[in-house]
N, C-alpha and C. Protein backbone atom coordinates (compact mmCIF):
# COMPACT_ATOMS: atom_id res chain seq x y z
N LEU A 1 142.85 87.95 202.53
CA LEU A 1 142.33 87.92 203.89
C LEU A 1 142.22 89.36 204.36
N ASN A 2 141.16 89.66 205.06
CA ASN A 2 140.97 91.01 205.56
C ASN A 2 140.34 90.93 206.96
N ASP A 3 141.08 90.35 207.89
CA ASP A 3 140.59 90.17 209.26
C ASP A 3 140.90 91.35 210.16
N ILE A 4 141.65 92.32 209.63
CA ILE A 4 142.04 93.49 210.42
C ILE A 4 141.65 94.74 209.65
N ASP A 5 140.86 95.58 210.29
CA ASP A 5 140.49 96.87 209.70
C ASP A 5 141.53 97.90 210.11
N LEU A 6 141.97 98.71 209.14
CA LEU A 6 142.94 99.76 209.42
C LEU A 6 142.30 101.12 209.22
N ASP A 7 142.49 102.00 210.18
CA ASP A 7 142.08 103.39 210.07
C ASP A 7 143.30 104.23 210.42
N VAL A 8 143.53 105.27 209.63
CA VAL A 8 144.64 106.17 209.88
C VAL A 8 144.09 107.58 209.99
N LEU A 9 144.40 108.24 211.10
CA LEU A 9 143.95 109.61 211.31
C LEU A 9 145.09 110.38 211.97
N ASP A 10 145.56 111.40 211.28
CA ASP A 10 146.63 112.25 211.80
C ASP A 10 147.84 111.44 212.27
N GLY A 11 148.23 110.45 211.51
CA GLY A 11 149.41 109.66 211.82
C GLY A 11 149.20 108.53 212.80
N VAL A 12 148.01 108.42 213.38
CA VAL A 12 147.72 107.33 214.31
C VAL A 12 147.00 106.21 213.55
N VAL A 13 147.58 105.03 213.58
CA VAL A 13 147.01 103.88 212.90
C VAL A 13 146.26 103.04 213.93
N VAL A 14 145.00 102.76 213.66
CA VAL A 14 144.23 101.86 214.51
C VAL A 14 144.04 100.56 213.73
N ALA A 15 144.61 99.50 214.25
CA ALA A 15 144.45 98.16 213.67
C ALA A 15 143.43 97.45 214.54
N ARG A 16 142.24 97.25 213.97
CA ARG A 16 141.12 96.67 214.73
C ARG A 16 140.87 95.25 214.24
N PHE A 17 141.05 94.29 215.15
CA PHE A 17 140.78 92.89 214.82
C PHE A 17 139.28 92.79 214.55
N ALA A 18 138.92 92.27 213.38
CA ALA A 18 137.55 92.41 212.89
C ALA A 18 136.84 91.09 212.63
N ARG A 19 136.87 90.21 213.62
CA ARG A 19 136.11 88.96 213.53
C ARG A 19 135.31 88.79 214.83
N PRO A 20 134.40 89.71 215.11
CA PRO A 20 133.70 89.66 216.40
C PRO A 20 132.85 88.41 216.59
N ASP A 21 132.43 87.78 215.50
CA ASP A 21 131.62 86.56 215.60
C ASP A 21 132.37 85.41 216.27
N CYS A 22 133.71 85.46 216.24
CA CYS A 22 134.52 84.42 216.90
C CYS A 22 135.50 85.06 217.88
N LEU A 23 135.08 86.18 218.47
CA LEU A 23 135.88 86.88 219.47
C LEU A 23 137.26 87.27 218.95
N ASN A 24 137.30 87.60 217.65
CA ASN A 24 138.52 88.06 216.98
C ASN A 24 139.65 87.04 217.03
N ALA A 25 139.29 85.77 217.03
CA ALA A 25 140.30 84.71 216.98
C ALA A 25 141.07 84.83 215.67
N PHE A 26 142.36 84.55 215.73
CA PHE A 26 143.23 84.68 214.56
C PHE A 26 143.26 83.38 213.75
N ARG A 27 143.09 83.53 212.45
CA ARG A 27 143.35 82.44 211.52
C ARG A 27 144.83 82.50 211.14
N ARG A 28 145.31 81.47 210.48
CA ARG A 28 146.72 81.46 210.07
C ARG A 28 147.07 82.69 209.27
N GLY A 29 146.20 83.08 208.35
CA GLY A 29 146.47 84.25 207.52
C GLY A 29 146.41 85.56 208.26
N THR A 30 145.72 85.60 209.38
CA THR A 30 145.61 86.84 210.16
C THR A 30 146.96 87.20 210.77
N TYR A 31 147.73 86.20 211.17
CA TYR A 31 149.06 86.47 211.70
C TYR A 31 149.92 87.16 210.63
N ALA A 32 149.89 86.64 209.42
CA ALA A 32 150.66 87.25 208.33
C ALA A 32 150.15 88.66 208.04
N GLU A 33 148.84 88.86 208.13
CA GLU A 33 148.27 90.18 207.92
C GLU A 33 148.77 91.17 208.98
N LEU A 34 148.76 90.78 210.24
CA LEU A 34 149.23 91.67 211.31
C LEU A 34 150.74 91.87 211.21
N ARG A 35 151.46 90.84 210.82
CA ARG A 35 152.91 91.01 210.64
C ARG A 35 153.19 92.06 209.57
N GLY A 36 152.44 92.01 208.47
CA GLY A 36 152.61 93.00 207.41
C GLY A 36 152.32 94.41 207.91
N ILE A 37 151.29 94.56 208.72
CA ILE A 37 150.96 95.86 209.29
C ILE A 37 152.09 96.33 210.22
N ALA A 38 152.58 95.44 211.07
CA ALA A 38 153.66 95.79 212.01
C ALA A 38 154.92 96.21 211.26
N GLU A 39 155.27 95.47 210.22
CA GLU A 39 156.47 95.81 209.44
C GLU A 39 156.28 97.11 208.68
N ARG A 40 155.08 97.33 208.15
CA ARG A 40 154.80 98.59 207.45
C ARG A 40 154.85 99.76 208.43
N PHE A 41 154.30 99.58 209.63
CA PHE A 41 154.31 100.62 210.65
C PHE A 41 155.74 101.06 210.95
N ALA A 42 156.64 100.12 211.04
CA ALA A 42 158.03 100.44 211.35
C ALA A 42 158.68 101.31 210.29
N HIS A 43 158.22 101.19 209.04
CA HIS A 43 158.89 101.89 207.94
C HIS A 43 158.08 103.03 207.34
N GLU A 44 156.81 103.09 207.59
CA GLU A 44 155.94 104.12 207.02
C GLU A 44 156.10 105.42 207.80
N THR A 45 156.70 106.43 207.18
CA THR A 45 156.99 107.67 207.91
C THR A 45 155.73 108.43 208.32
N ALA A 46 154.64 108.27 207.59
CA ALA A 46 153.40 108.97 207.93
C ALA A 46 152.69 108.33 209.12
N TRP A 47 153.04 107.11 209.44
CA TRP A 47 152.42 106.41 210.57
C TRP A 47 153.29 106.67 211.81
N GLN A 48 152.75 107.38 212.78
CA GLN A 48 153.53 107.78 213.94
C GLN A 48 153.22 106.99 215.21
N ALA A 49 152.05 106.37 215.29
CA ALA A 49 151.66 105.57 216.46
C ALA A 49 150.71 104.48 216.00
N LEU A 50 150.71 103.38 216.72
CA LEU A 50 149.86 102.24 216.37
C LEU A 50 149.03 101.84 217.57
N VAL A 51 147.73 101.67 217.34
CA VAL A 51 146.81 101.18 218.36
C VAL A 51 146.28 99.83 217.89
N LEU A 52 146.42 98.82 218.73
CA LEU A 52 145.85 97.50 218.46
C LEU A 52 144.60 97.37 219.32
N THR A 53 143.49 96.95 218.73
CA THR A 53 142.27 96.75 219.49
C THR A 53 141.39 95.73 218.79
N GLY A 54 140.32 95.36 219.44
CA GLY A 54 139.40 94.39 218.88
C GLY A 54 138.05 95.01 218.58
N THR A 55 137.27 94.29 217.82
CA THR A 55 135.90 94.68 217.51
C THR A 55 134.97 93.88 218.41
N GLY A 56 133.96 94.54 218.95
CA GLY A 56 133.00 93.82 219.78
C GLY A 56 133.48 93.68 221.20
N ARG A 57 133.16 92.53 221.81
CA ARG A 57 133.43 92.35 223.24
C ARG A 57 134.77 91.68 223.54
N ALA A 58 135.60 91.48 222.55
CA ALA A 58 136.89 90.82 222.77
C ALA A 58 138.01 91.58 222.09
N PHE A 59 139.17 91.52 222.71
CA PHE A 59 140.39 92.01 222.06
C PHE A 59 140.80 90.95 221.04
N CYS A 60 141.13 89.75 221.54
CA CYS A 60 141.47 88.63 220.67
C CYS A 60 141.44 87.34 221.48
N ALA A 61 140.72 86.36 220.99
CA ALA A 61 140.58 85.07 221.67
C ALA A 61 141.71 84.11 221.32
N GLY A 62 142.75 84.60 220.67
CA GLY A 62 143.88 83.74 220.33
C GLY A 62 143.67 83.04 219.01
N GLN A 63 144.15 81.82 218.93
CA GLN A 63 144.09 81.03 217.70
C GLN A 63 142.68 80.52 217.44
N ASP A 64 142.23 80.65 216.19
CA ASP A 64 140.96 80.07 215.77
C ASP A 64 141.19 78.56 215.60
N LEU A 65 140.67 77.79 216.54
CA LEU A 65 140.93 76.36 216.54
C LEU A 65 140.30 75.65 215.35
N ASP A 66 139.21 76.18 214.81
CA ASP A 66 138.62 75.59 213.61
C ASP A 66 139.57 75.73 212.42
N ASP A 67 140.31 76.83 212.37
CA ASP A 67 141.22 77.08 211.26
C ASP A 67 142.40 76.12 211.25
N ILE A 68 142.85 75.67 212.42
CA ILE A 68 144.04 74.81 212.45
C ILE A 68 143.69 73.33 212.39
N ALA A 69 142.41 73.01 212.32
CA ALA A 69 142.01 71.60 212.29
C ALA A 69 142.66 70.85 211.15
N GLY A 70 142.76 71.46 209.98
CA GLY A 70 143.37 70.78 208.84
C GLY A 70 144.75 71.30 208.50
N MET A 71 145.41 71.90 209.47
CA MET A 71 146.70 72.54 209.23
C MET A 71 147.78 71.52 208.88
N ASP A 72 148.62 71.91 207.95
CA ASP A 72 149.81 71.14 207.61
C ASP A 72 150.75 71.20 208.82
N VAL A 73 151.09 70.05 209.37
CA VAL A 73 151.93 70.02 210.56
C VAL A 73 153.36 69.59 210.25
N SER A 74 153.74 69.76 209.00
CA SER A 74 155.13 69.47 208.67
C SER A 74 156.02 70.49 209.37
N ALA A 75 157.27 70.14 209.55
CA ALA A 75 158.21 71.03 210.24
C ALA A 75 158.29 72.39 209.56
N ASP A 76 158.30 72.41 208.22
CA ASP A 76 158.40 73.68 207.50
C ASP A 76 157.16 74.54 207.71
N ALA A 77 155.98 73.92 207.68
CA ALA A 77 154.74 74.67 207.86
C ALA A 77 154.64 75.25 209.27
N VAL A 78 154.99 74.46 210.26
CA VAL A 78 154.94 74.93 211.65
C VAL A 78 155.97 76.03 211.86
N ALA A 79 157.17 75.85 211.31
CA ALA A 79 158.20 76.89 211.43
C ALA A 79 157.75 78.19 210.78
N GLY A 80 157.08 78.10 209.64
CA GLY A 80 156.56 79.30 208.97
C GLY A 80 155.50 80.00 209.79
N ALA A 81 154.62 79.23 210.40
CA ALA A 81 153.57 79.82 211.24
C ALA A 81 154.18 80.50 212.46
N ILE A 82 155.14 79.86 213.09
CA ILE A 82 155.80 80.45 214.26
C ILE A 82 156.57 81.70 213.85
N ASP A 83 157.19 81.68 212.68
CA ASP A 83 157.93 82.85 212.21
C ASP A 83 157.00 84.04 212.00
N ASP A 84 155.80 83.82 211.48
CA ASP A 84 154.85 84.92 211.32
C ASP A 84 154.47 85.52 212.67
N ILE A 85 154.18 84.66 213.64
CA ILE A 85 153.79 85.13 214.97
C ILE A 85 154.95 85.89 215.61
N GLN A 86 156.14 85.32 215.57
CA GLN A 86 157.28 85.99 216.17
C GLN A 86 157.67 87.24 215.38
N GLY A 87 157.40 87.25 214.10
CA GLY A 87 157.69 88.43 213.28
C GLY A 87 156.91 89.64 213.72
N ILE A 88 155.69 89.43 214.19
CA ILE A 88 154.87 90.52 214.72
C ILE A 88 155.59 91.14 215.92
N THR A 89 155.97 90.30 216.85
CA THR A 89 156.64 90.77 218.06
C THR A 89 157.97 91.43 217.74
N ARG A 90 158.76 90.80 216.87
CA ARG A 90 160.07 91.38 216.51
C ARG A 90 159.91 92.76 215.88
N ALA A 91 158.95 92.90 214.96
CA ALA A 91 158.77 94.19 214.27
C ALA A 91 158.33 95.27 215.25
N LEU A 92 157.40 94.95 216.13
CA LEU A 92 156.93 95.96 217.08
C LEU A 92 157.98 96.28 218.14
N ALA A 93 158.73 95.28 218.59
CA ALA A 93 159.77 95.51 219.60
C ALA A 93 160.90 96.36 219.04
N ALA A 94 161.23 96.19 217.77
CA ALA A 94 162.33 96.92 217.17
C ALA A 94 161.95 98.34 216.76
N CYS A 95 160.67 98.62 216.70
CA CYS A 95 160.19 99.92 216.21
C CYS A 95 160.29 100.96 217.32
N SER A 96 160.78 102.13 216.98
CA SER A 96 160.91 103.20 217.97
C SER A 96 159.62 104.02 218.14
N LYS A 97 158.62 103.75 217.34
CA LYS A 97 157.36 104.48 217.43
C LYS A 97 156.48 103.85 218.51
N PRO A 98 155.62 104.64 219.14
CA PRO A 98 154.79 104.11 220.23
C PRO A 98 153.67 103.19 219.75
N THR A 99 153.44 102.14 220.54
CA THR A 99 152.33 101.22 220.29
C THR A 99 151.48 101.13 221.55
N LEU A 100 150.19 101.00 221.33
CA LEU A 100 149.23 100.92 222.42
C LEU A 100 148.31 99.75 222.16
N ALA A 101 148.08 98.94 223.18
CA ALA A 101 147.07 97.89 223.10
C ALA A 101 145.85 98.38 223.87
N ALA A 102 144.77 98.64 223.17
CA ALA A 102 143.51 99.06 223.78
C ALA A 102 142.67 97.80 223.95
N ILE A 103 142.75 97.21 225.12
CA ILE A 103 142.20 95.88 225.38
C ILE A 103 140.75 96.02 225.81
N ASN A 104 139.86 95.72 224.87
CA ASN A 104 138.43 95.97 225.06
C ASN A 104 137.65 94.76 225.54
N GLY A 105 138.33 93.73 226.01
CA GLY A 105 137.66 92.53 226.48
C GLY A 105 138.68 91.43 226.67
N LEU A 106 138.27 90.21 226.42
CA LEU A 106 139.19 89.11 226.68
C LEU A 106 140.39 89.11 225.75
N ALA A 107 141.52 88.74 226.31
CA ALA A 107 142.78 88.61 225.58
C ALA A 107 143.35 87.25 226.00
N VAL A 108 143.21 86.28 225.11
CA VAL A 108 143.56 84.90 225.43
C VAL A 108 144.65 84.42 224.48
N GLY A 109 145.60 83.66 225.00
CA GLY A 109 146.65 83.09 224.16
C GLY A 109 147.40 84.18 223.42
N PHE A 110 147.41 84.10 222.09
CA PHE A 110 148.08 85.13 221.30
C PHE A 110 147.50 86.51 221.57
N GLY A 111 146.23 86.58 221.89
CA GLY A 111 145.63 87.87 222.22
C GLY A 111 146.36 88.54 223.37
N LEU A 112 146.70 87.78 224.39
CA LEU A 112 147.49 88.32 225.50
C LEU A 112 148.92 88.57 225.04
N GLU A 113 149.50 87.62 224.31
CA GLU A 113 150.88 87.75 223.88
C GLU A 113 151.13 89.03 223.10
N CYS A 114 150.22 89.38 222.21
CA CYS A 114 150.49 90.56 221.38
C CYS A 114 150.32 91.86 222.16
N THR A 115 149.70 91.83 223.34
CA THR A 115 149.64 93.04 224.16
C THR A 115 150.95 93.27 224.90
N LEU A 116 151.72 92.22 225.11
CA LEU A 116 152.92 92.32 225.93
C LEU A 116 154.00 93.19 225.31
N VAL A 117 154.07 93.23 224.00
CA VAL A 117 155.12 93.99 223.33
C VAL A 117 154.73 95.46 223.15
N ALA A 118 153.47 95.79 223.39
CA ALA A 118 153.03 97.19 223.27
C ALA A 118 153.71 98.05 224.33
N ASP A 119 153.90 99.31 224.00
CA ASP A 119 154.51 100.24 224.96
C ASP A 119 153.56 100.57 226.09
N LEU A 120 152.28 100.55 225.80
CA LEU A 120 151.28 100.89 226.80
C LEU A 120 150.05 100.01 226.58
N ARG A 121 149.44 99.58 227.67
CA ARG A 121 148.23 98.78 227.60
C ARG A 121 147.16 99.48 228.43
N ILE A 122 145.98 99.64 227.84
CA ILE A 122 144.85 100.14 228.60
C ILE A 122 143.73 99.12 228.45
N THR A 123 142.93 98.97 229.49
CA THR A 123 141.89 97.94 229.46
C THR A 123 140.56 98.49 229.94
N VAL A 124 139.52 97.82 229.53
CA VAL A 124 138.21 98.04 230.12
C VAL A 124 138.19 97.26 231.44
N PRO A 125 137.33 97.65 232.38
CA PRO A 125 137.30 96.93 233.67
C PRO A 125 137.01 95.44 233.54
N SER A 126 136.30 95.04 232.49
CA SER A 126 135.95 93.63 232.33
C SER A 126 136.98 92.83 231.53
N ALA A 127 138.15 93.40 231.26
CA ALA A 127 139.17 92.68 230.50
C ALA A 127 139.56 91.40 231.23
N TYR A 128 139.86 90.37 230.44
CA TYR A 128 140.16 89.05 230.98
C TYR A 128 141.39 88.54 230.24
N PHE A 129 142.37 88.04 230.97
CA PHE A 129 143.62 87.56 230.37
C PHE A 129 143.83 86.10 230.73
N MET A 130 144.30 85.32 229.75
CA MET A 130 144.52 83.90 230.01
C MET A 130 145.52 83.34 229.01
N LEU A 131 146.35 82.42 229.48
CA LEU A 131 147.29 81.70 228.63
C LEU A 131 146.96 80.21 228.73
N PRO A 132 146.03 79.72 227.92
CA PRO A 132 145.60 78.32 228.05
C PRO A 132 146.59 77.30 227.53
N GLU A 133 147.60 77.75 226.81
CA GLU A 133 148.56 76.81 226.22
C GLU A 133 149.21 75.92 227.27
N LEU A 134 149.54 76.49 228.40
CA LEU A 134 150.23 75.72 229.43
C LEU A 134 149.40 74.54 229.91
N GLY A 135 148.08 74.73 230.01
CA GLY A 135 147.20 73.65 230.42
C GLY A 135 147.06 72.56 229.37
N ARG A 136 147.50 72.84 228.16
CA ARG A 136 147.43 71.87 227.07
C ARG A 136 148.79 71.26 226.76
N GLY A 137 149.76 71.54 227.61
CA GLY A 137 151.09 70.98 227.40
C GLY A 137 151.88 71.68 226.32
N LEU A 138 151.49 72.88 225.95
CA LEU A 138 152.21 73.64 224.93
C LEU A 138 153.05 74.71 225.61
N PHE A 139 153.96 75.32 224.88
CA PHE A 139 154.77 76.38 225.44
C PHE A 139 154.64 77.61 224.54
N HIS A 140 155.08 78.72 225.06
CA HIS A 140 154.96 79.99 224.35
C HIS A 140 156.22 80.24 223.55
N THR A 141 156.04 80.79 222.36
CA THR A 141 157.18 81.03 221.48
C THR A 141 157.25 82.49 221.06
N ASN A 142 156.50 83.34 221.72
CA ASN A 142 156.37 84.70 221.21
C ASN A 142 156.83 85.75 222.22
N GLY A 143 157.85 85.46 222.98
CA GLY A 143 158.40 86.43 223.91
C GLY A 143 157.67 86.53 225.23
N THR A 144 156.69 85.66 225.47
CA THR A 144 155.91 85.73 226.70
C THR A 144 156.80 85.61 227.93
N TYR A 145 157.75 84.69 227.90
CA TYR A 145 158.60 84.47 229.06
C TYR A 145 159.54 85.65 229.32
N HIS A 146 159.77 86.45 228.32
CA HIS A 146 160.59 87.65 228.47
C HIS A 146 159.74 88.84 228.91
N TYR A 147 158.65 89.09 228.19
CA TYR A 147 157.86 90.29 228.42
C TYR A 147 156.99 90.24 229.67
N LEU A 148 156.35 89.12 229.95
CA LEU A 148 155.41 89.06 231.06
C LEU A 148 156.08 89.33 232.42
N PRO A 149 157.19 88.67 232.75
CA PRO A 149 157.83 88.99 234.04
C PRO A 149 158.33 90.43 234.10
N ALA A 150 158.75 90.98 232.97
CA ALA A 150 159.20 92.37 232.95
C ALA A 150 158.05 93.33 233.27
N LEU A 151 156.83 92.95 232.89
CA LEU A 151 155.67 93.80 233.14
C LEU A 151 155.09 93.62 234.53
N VAL A 152 154.96 92.39 234.99
CA VAL A 152 154.27 92.14 236.26
C VAL A 152 155.23 91.82 237.40
N GLY A 153 156.48 91.62 237.10
CA GLY A 153 157.44 91.30 238.14
C GLY A 153 157.45 89.82 238.47
N LEU A 154 158.43 89.47 239.25
CA LEU A 154 158.55 88.09 239.70
C LEU A 154 157.77 87.92 240.99
N GLY A 155 157.38 86.74 241.28
CA GLY A 155 156.65 86.47 242.50
C GLY A 155 157.50 86.76 243.74
N VAL A 156 156.85 86.91 244.84
CA VAL A 156 157.56 87.18 246.09
C VAL A 156 157.28 86.09 247.12
N LYS A 157 157.00 84.91 246.66
CA LYS A 157 156.69 83.79 247.54
C LYS A 157 157.79 83.62 248.59
N GLY A 158 157.36 83.47 249.81
CA GLY A 158 158.30 83.27 250.88
C GLY A 158 158.89 84.54 251.46
N ARG A 159 158.66 85.67 250.81
CA ARG A 159 159.21 86.93 251.31
C ARG A 159 158.18 87.80 252.01
N LEU A 160 156.93 87.42 251.94
CA LEU A 160 155.89 88.21 252.58
C LEU A 160 155.37 87.48 253.81
N LYS A 161 155.17 88.21 254.86
CA LYS A 161 154.56 87.61 256.03
C LYS A 161 153.09 88.01 256.02
N ILE A 162 152.25 87.03 256.00
CA ILE A 162 150.81 87.25 256.04
C ILE A 162 150.39 87.29 257.50
N ALA A 163 149.77 88.37 257.90
CA ALA A 163 149.32 88.52 259.29
C ALA A 163 148.21 87.52 259.57
N ASP A 164 148.30 86.85 260.70
CA ASP A 164 147.20 85.98 261.08
C ASP A 164 146.42 86.63 262.23
N ASP A 165 145.40 86.00 262.67
CA ASP A 165 144.50 86.58 263.68
C ASP A 165 145.22 86.94 264.97
N ASP A 166 146.32 86.27 265.28
CA ASP A 166 147.01 86.51 266.54
C ASP A 166 147.92 87.74 266.50
N ASP A 167 148.22 88.27 265.30
CA ASP A 167 149.12 89.42 265.17
C ASP A 167 148.43 90.73 265.50
């Protein structure tokens, strides 16, 4: 599988998701590919910084739904798939080297999740973020509940007074 293009220049690794025809949606093997890159980044002394980005108009549209249509849904297969996804986050979170998510368009599902562990995120003005899993009755297993509130803060419902016309 070769869904991610790697370029290295002066110690900076650019991992570019390279399936623009499907908005860089990840197949099952793409998770393992990115996990391998993340683990190599942590140990490769010549690699000093990592940039994650997409090809075309999307960063990553999340899971390629066509790819999972025939997926083995046994407990072992699902656990292995989740381990690959979480392995990406664990490797990047544990690494002391800087990571940057250069978000060049939509970041949906896993696309959004993998930006959360980056040290820095930069976006184009048209970037779009969405977590559709919740609307499908699914939950997140990749640190979303930890990283997202740390980045955007908790809501302030009930603590803000909204001025009305009489104020």
